[in-house]
Amino acid sequence: MERFIILALVGLAAQLVDGALGMGYGLTSTTLLLTAGIAPAVASASVHMAEVVTTAASGASHIRFGNVDKTMVKKLIIPGSIGAFSGATFLSHLTGNYVRLYVSIFLILLGIYILARFLWLRDAQKQEHKALTNKFYVPLGFVAGFFDASGGGGWGPIATPALLSQKGMIPRKVIGTVNTSEFAIALSATAGFMLSLGPSKINWLWAGAIMLGGIIAAPIAAWIVKSLPTKILAVIVSGMLIFTNVRTVFSYSDISMDIILPVYAFLIAAWLYIVYYVAQREKNSSMAVSEPKRKTS
């Protein structure tokens, strides 16, 4: 019972992160199961089984708060579902652990790009948004879905920053859209694991625990996305992306902890400062807009 409660709390925290930032549920939950000694394929299968329910709850919450671009969802789910099914089948036979190293390096660079766009290019969202075609959505959906199933998480970390990097994208719309479309990806990945591993390989108790925590957190996370300013959301997403993937890269190296710990401390301090800086700038901007209204009243 104690383990069930702990896993439910982990599922709650993971869904708060995922629902608010568009990434993190699968990676957080899978990491915990791997730490407990669960095989990668079984861990990913259990998490995706839980995600079928949590992503449905998260998607419904985001739709309610107006955070979803339904056209974008339709274009993502088909290639994403195919990729997720393929990734689940792949992971059932291979671990694919070193693939994440190369993906992490790519995501670090993408996180830096997003941070620069929303931090220094003040009118990035006002630039004319060109309609994205299937040449963009199909490879993005397939790759993100494949790595999500084969790596225990990756739909959000790949799809969210890739969409945010496009001109004119609104962070809360991207996050809500990615979370909503993840239901189809989780369903397809679970189907792949079921066919490859069989239902007996899924840890139903653990999946139920993290599922329960995720359901509770889903509407809270959607409200957070609706309430926070878009630039603050973008900075939080990029910071989490950079820090998480730097840790992954270090895990493949023999660098001493005497060097790694100061790097972590610097990244966290810089991240917190940038969040504070952007929050203050947004506050001053909103005050400047409201000031003329008070004078004319």
Protein backbone atom coordinates (compact mmCIF):
# COMPACT_ATOMS: atom_id res chain seq x y z
CA MET A 1 0.00 0.00 0.00
CA GLU A 2 2.86 2.36 0.83
CA ARG A 3 4.44 1.78 -2.59
CA PHE A 4 1.08 2.39 -4.28
CA ILE A 5 0.73 5.78 -2.54
CA ILE A 6 4.29 6.76 -3.44
CA LEU A 7 3.72 5.84 -7.09
CA ALA A 8 0.43 7.76 -7.11
CA LEU A 9 2.28 10.86 -5.85
CA VAL A 10 4.94 10.38 -8.53
CA GLY A 11 2.19 10.11 -11.15
CA LEU A 12 0.62 13.32 -9.81
CA ALA A 13 3.92 15.21 -9.94
CA ALA A 14 4.77 13.82 -13.38
CA GLN A 15 1.39 14.87 -14.81
CA LEU A 16 1.69 18.36 -13.30
CA VAL A 17 4.98 18.76 -15.15
CA ASP A 18 3.72 17.14 -18.35
CA GLY A 19 0.37 18.93 -18.45
CA ALA A 20 1.90 22.31 -17.69
CA LEU A 21 5.02 22.06 -19.85
CA GLY A 22 4.02 19.56 -22.53
CA MET A 23 6.66 17.00 -21.48
CA GLY A 24 7.90 14.90 -18.59
CA TYR A 25 5.25 12.33 -17.60
CA GLY A 26 6.69 9.35 -19.45
CA LEU A 27 10.32 10.17 -18.71
CA THR A 28 9.68 10.77 -14.99
CA SER A 29 7.54 7.68 -14.46
CA THR A 30 9.70 5.38 -16.57
CA THR A 31 12.85 6.48 -14.75
CA LEU A 32 11.29 5.50 -11.44
CA LEU A 33 10.33 2.04 -12.71
CA LEU A 34 13.78 1.48 -14.20
CA THR A 35 15.35 2.47 -10.88
CA ALA A 36 13.24 -0.22 -9.24
CA GLY A 37 14.78 -2.81 -11.57
CA ILE A 38 11.93 -3.15 -14.08
CA ALA A 39 13.00 -4.10 -17.63
CA PRO A 40 12.86 -1.15 -20.08
CA ALA A 41 10.13 -2.68 -22.24
CA VAL A 42 7.96 -3.58 -19.24
CA ALA A 43 8.50 -0.14 -17.67
CA SER A 44 7.54 1.66 -20.88
CA ALA A 45 4.54 -0.65 -21.39
CA SER A 46 3.26 0.02 -17.84
CA VAL A 47 3.68 3.79 -18.20
CA HIS A 48 1.94 3.91 -21.57
CA MET A 49 -0.96 1.88 -20.20
CA ALA A 50 -1.34 4.55 -17.49
CA GLU A 51 -0.97 7.32 -20.07
CA VAL A 52 -3.98 6.08 -22.03
CA VAL A 53 -6.15 7.34 -19.17
CA THR A 54 -4.06 10.30 -17.97
CA THR A 55 -3.65 11.76 -21.47
CA ALA A 56 -7.40 11.48 -22.02
CA ALA A 57 -8.00 13.43 -18.80
CA SER A 58 -5.28 15.93 -19.68
CA GLY A 59 -6.61 16.41 -23.20
CA ALA A 60 -10.16 16.99 -21.98
CA SER A 61 -8.89 19.57 -19.49
CA HIS A 62 -6.86 21.43 -22.12
CA ILE A 63 -9.82 21.48 -24.51
CA ARG A 64 -11.98 22.93 -21.74
CA PHE A 65 -9.47 25.72 -21.10
CA GLY A 66 -9.10 26.49 -24.82
CA ASN A 67 -5.48 25.34 -25.08
CA VAL A 68 -5.89 23.08 -28.13
CA ASP A 69 -5.47 23.57 -31.88
CA LYS A 70 -7.70 20.78 -33.20
CA THR A 71 -6.34 21.00 -36.75
CA MET A 72 -2.80 20.46 -35.47
CA VAL A 73 -3.98 17.50 -33.38
CA LYS A 74 -5.43 15.76 -36.44
CA LYS A 75 -2.18 16.20 -38.37
CA LEU A 76 -0.03 14.81 -35.56
CA ILE A 77 -1.91 11.74 -34.36
CA ILE A 78 -1.69 9.52 -37.47
CA PRO A 79 2.11 9.64 -38.01
CA GLY A 80 2.58 9.75 -34.24
CA SER A 81 0.50 6.61 -33.72
CA ILE A 82 2.39 4.73 -36.43
CA GLY A 83 5.70 5.78 -34.88
CA ALA A 84 4.58 4.80 -31.37
CA PHE A 85 3.45 1.34 -32.49
CA SER A 86 6.76 0.83 -34.31
CA GLY A 87 8.75 2.03 -31.30
CA ALA A 88 6.90 -0.32 -28.94
CA THR A 89 7.62 -3.27 -31.21
CA PHE A 90 11.26 -2.20 -31.48
CA LEU A 91 11.74 -1.83 -27.71
CA SER A 92 10.20 -5.25 -27.08
CA HIS A 93 13.32 -6.71 -28.74
CA LEU A 94 15.96 -4.05 -28.12
CA THR A 95 16.73 -1.59 -25.31
CA GLY A 96 17.79 1.29 -27.54
CA ASN A 97 19.39 3.11 -24.57
CA TYR A 98 22.16 4.85 -26.49
CA VAL A 99 19.72 6.34 -28.97
CA ARG A 100 18.66 8.76 -26.24
CA LEU A 101 22.18 10.25 -26.08
CA TYR A 102 21.94 11.60 -29.62
CA VAL A 103 18.36 12.77 -29.11
CA SER A 104 19.40 14.58 -25.90
CA ILE A 105 22.13 16.53 -27.69
CA PHE A 106 19.60 17.59 -30.33
CA LEU A 107 17.09 18.62 -27.66
CA ILE A 108 19.68 20.71 -25.79
CA LEU A 109 20.34 22.71 -28.95
CA LEU A 110 16.61 23.05 -29.60
CA GLY A 111 16.05 24.22 -26.01
CA ILE A 112 18.70 26.92 -26.42
CA TYR A 113 17.04 28.05 -29.66
CA ILE A 114 13.60 28.31 -28.01
CA LEU A 115 15.07 30.23 -25.06
CA ALA A 116 16.76 32.71 -27.40
CA ARG A 117 13.62 33.16 -29.50
CA PHE A 118 11.33 34.02 -26.60
CA LEU A 119 13.92 35.86 -24.51
CA TRP A 120 15.48 38.20 -27.05
CA LEU A 121 13.15 38.22 -30.04
CA ARG A 122 10.32 40.07 -28.36
CA ASP A 123 7.97 39.96 -31.34
CA ALA A 124 8.56 36.30 -32.24
CA GLN A 125 4.92 35.39 -31.74
CA LYS A 126 3.78 38.40 -33.80
CA GLN A 127 5.69 37.27 -36.85
CA GLU A 128 3.47 35.94 -39.60
CA HIS A 129 2.77 32.28 -39.03
CA LYS A 130 3.07 30.17 -42.15
CA ALA A 131 0.76 27.16 -42.25
CA LEU A 132 2.78 24.00 -41.65
CA THR A 133 2.35 21.18 -44.15
CA ASN A 134 2.44 17.40 -43.84
CA LYS A 135 6.14 17.54 -44.78
CA PHE A 136 6.64 18.95 -41.28
CA TYR A 137 3.97 17.04 -39.33
CA VAL A 138 4.55 13.53 -40.70
CA PRO A 139 8.26 13.14 -39.82
CA LEU A 140 7.81 15.03 -36.55
CA GLY A 141 4.89 12.85 -35.47
CA PHE A 142 6.59 9.60 -36.48
CA VAL A 143 9.94 10.38 -34.84
CA ALA A 144 8.36 11.71 -31.64
CA GLY A 145 6.02 8.72 -31.41
CA PHE A 146 8.83 6.23 -32.06
CA PHE A 147 11.12 7.68 -29.39
CA ASP A 148 8.22 8.01 -26.96
CA ALA A 149 7.56 4.27 -27.04
CA SER A 150 11.15 3.07 -27.44
CA GLY A 151 12.65 5.45 -24.88
CA GLY A 152 9.89 5.42 -22.25
CA GLY A 153 8.99 9.03 -23.04
CA GLY A 154 9.66 11.51 -25.80
CA TRP A 155 6.43 12.66 -27.40
CA GLY A 156 6.42 15.91 -25.42
CA PRO A 157 10.20 16.54 -25.33
CA ILE A 158 10.42 16.21 -29.12
CA ALA A 159 7.05 17.51 -30.38
CA THR A 160 6.72 20.50 -28.00
CA PRO A 161 10.05 22.23 -28.75
CA ALA A 162 9.84 21.43 -32.47
CA LEU A 163 6.46 23.20 -32.65
CA LEU A 164 7.54 26.06 -30.37
CA SER A 165 10.48 26.75 -32.68
CA GLN A 166 8.08 27.65 -35.51
CA LYS A 167 7.28 31.34 -35.97
CA GLY A 168 4.01 32.58 -34.56
CA MET A 169 3.32 29.56 -32.33
CA ILE A 170 1.58 30.25 -28.99
CA PRO A 171 3.17 28.17 -26.17
CA ARG A 172 -0.07 27.31 -24.34
CA LYS A 173 -1.66 26.17 -27.62
CA VAL A 174 1.35 24.01 -28.44
CA ILE A 175 1.43 22.46 -24.96
CA GLY A 176 -2.30 21.77 -24.94
CA THR A 177 -2.20 20.33 -28.46
CA VAL A 178 0.75 18.04 -27.72
CA ASN A 179 -0.89 16.78 -24.52
CA THR A 180 -4.21 16.13 -26.25
CA SER A 181 -2.69 14.28 -29.20
CA GLU A 182 -0.65 12.11 -26.81
CA PHE A 183 -3.75 10.03 -26.07
CA ALA A 184 -3.55 8.44 -29.53
CA ILE A 185 0.20 7.90 -29.16
CA ALA A 186 -0.18 6.20 -25.75
CA LEU A 187 -2.98 4.00 -27.12
CA SER A 188 -0.91 2.93 -30.13
CA ALA A 189 2.19 2.25 -28.02
CA THR A 190 0.14 0.15 -25.59
CA ALA A 191 -1.29 -1.86 -28.50
CA GLY A 192 2.25 -2.50 -29.75
CA PHE A 193 3.42 -3.66 -26.33
CA MET A 194 0.36 -5.87 -25.89
CA LEU A 195 1.02 -7.66 -29.16
CA SER A 196 4.78 -7.95 -28.59
CA LEU A 197 4.96 -8.68 -24.85
CA GLY A 198 1.49 -9.82 -23.87
CA PRO A 199 -0.77 -8.41 -21.10
CA SER A 200 0.97 -10.47 -18.41
CA LYS A 201 4.16 -8.40 -18.76
CA ILE A 202 2.49 -5.13 -17.72
CA ASN A 203 2.64 -4.25 -14.03
CA TRP A 204 -1.05 -3.37 -13.62
CA LEU A 205 -0.77 -2.25 -9.98
CA TRP A 206 2.03 0.22 -10.71
CA ALA A 207 0.30 1.43 -13.86
CA GLY A 208 -2.89 2.01 -11.83
CA ALA A 209 -1.01 4.01 -9.18
CA ILE A 210 0.68 6.45 -11.55
CA MET A 211 -2.57 6.62 -13.52
CA LEU A 212 -4.53 7.75 -10.45
CA GLY A 213 -2.03 10.49 -9.62
CA GLY A 214 -2.06 11.70 -13.23
CA ILE A 215 -5.86 11.96 -13.36
CA ILE A 216 -5.90 14.15 -10.23
CA ALA A 217 -3.20 16.46 -11.62
CA ALA A 218 -4.56 16.85 -15.18
CA PRO A 219 -7.04 19.74 -14.64
CA ILE A 220 -4.59 21.58 -12.35
CA ALA A 221 -1.89 21.47 -15.03
CA ALA A 222 -4.29 22.69 -17.72
CA TRP A 223 -5.26 25.65 -15.51
CA ILE A 224 -1.56 26.49 -15.02
CA VAL A 225 -1.07 26.62 -18.80
CA LYS A 226 -4.12 28.87 -19.16
CA SER A 227 -2.95 31.26 -16.43
CA LEU A 228 0.80 31.72 -16.96
CA PRO A 229 2.13 34.28 -19.47
CA THR A 230 3.37 32.68 -22.67
CA LYS A 231 6.97 33.90 -22.38
CA ILE A 232 7.30 32.48 -18.87
CA LEU A 233 5.96 29.15 -20.10
CA ALA A 234 8.45 29.14 -22.98
CA VAL A 235 11.38 29.86 -20.63
CA ILE A 236 10.28 27.10 -18.24
CA VAL A 237 9.95 24.62 -21.11
CA SER A 238 13.36 25.45 -22.57
CA GLY A 239 15.04 25.40 -19.15
CA MET A 240 13.62 22.02 -18.26
CA LEU A 241 14.57 20.72 -21.70
CA ILE A 242 18.19 21.87 -21.37
CA PHE A 243 18.69 20.70 -17.77
CA THR A 244 17.06 17.28 -18.24
CA ASN A 245 19.05 16.47 -21.35
CA VAL A 246 22.34 17.75 -19.95
CA ARG A 247 21.85 15.23 -17.14
CA THR A 248 21.24 12.51 -19.73
CA VAL A 249 24.42 13.39 -21.63
CA PHE A 250 26.45 13.37 -18.38
CA SER A 251 25.07 9.93 -17.51
CA TYR A 252 26.89 8.54 -20.56
CA SER A 253 30.22 10.13 -19.60
CA ASP A 254 32.98 9.49 -17.04
CA ILE A 255 33.17 13.15 -15.96
CA SER A 256 33.76 13.59 -12.23
CA MET A 257 30.92 14.74 -9.98
CA ASP A 258 33.23 17.55 -8.83
CA ILE A 259 32.71 19.05 -12.28
CA ILE A 260 29.11 17.95 -12.89
CA LEU A 261 27.65 19.40 -9.65
CA PRO A 262 28.89 22.97 -10.29
CA VAL A 263 27.49 22.74 -13.83
CA TYR A 264 24.10 21.68 -12.42
CA ALA A 265 24.21 24.51 -9.87
CA PHE A 266 25.04 27.07 -12.57
CA LEU A 267 22.25 25.86 -14.88
CA ILE A 268 19.65 25.93 -12.10
CA ALA A 269 20.74 29.38 -10.89
CA ALA A 270 20.74 30.77 -14.45
CA TRP A 271 17.34 29.23 -15.14
CA LEU A 272 15.76 30.69 -11.99
CA TYR A 273 17.24 34.12 -12.74
CA ILE A 274 15.89 34.09 -16.30
CA VAL A 275 12.42 33.05 -15.08
CA TYR A 276 12.50 35.90 -12.53
CA TYR A 277 13.76 38.35 -15.16
CA VAL A 278 11.04 37.43 -17.65
CA ALA A 279 8.36 37.52 -14.93
CA GLN A 280 9.43 41.03 -13.91
CA ARG A 281 9.51 42.17 -17.53
CA GLU A 282 6.00 40.79 -18.11
CA LYS A 283 4.80 42.49 -14.92
CA ASN A 284 6.24 45.85 -15.95
CA SER A 285 4.77 45.46 -19.44
CA SER A 286 1.28 44.76 -18.08
CA MET A 287 1.55 47.74 -15.71
CA ALA A 288 2.56 50.00 -18.61
CA VAL A 289 -0.49 48.88 -20.56
CA SER A 290 -2.92 49.43 -17.65
CA GLU A 291 -1.48 52.82 -16.65
CA PRO A 292 -3.09 54.84 -19.52
CA LYS A 293 -6.44 53.25 -18.71
CA ARG A 294 -6.27 54.54 -15.14
CA LYS A 295 -5.37 58.04 -16.33
CA THR A 296 -8.28 58.27 -18.72
CA SER A 297 -10.84 56.99 -16.21
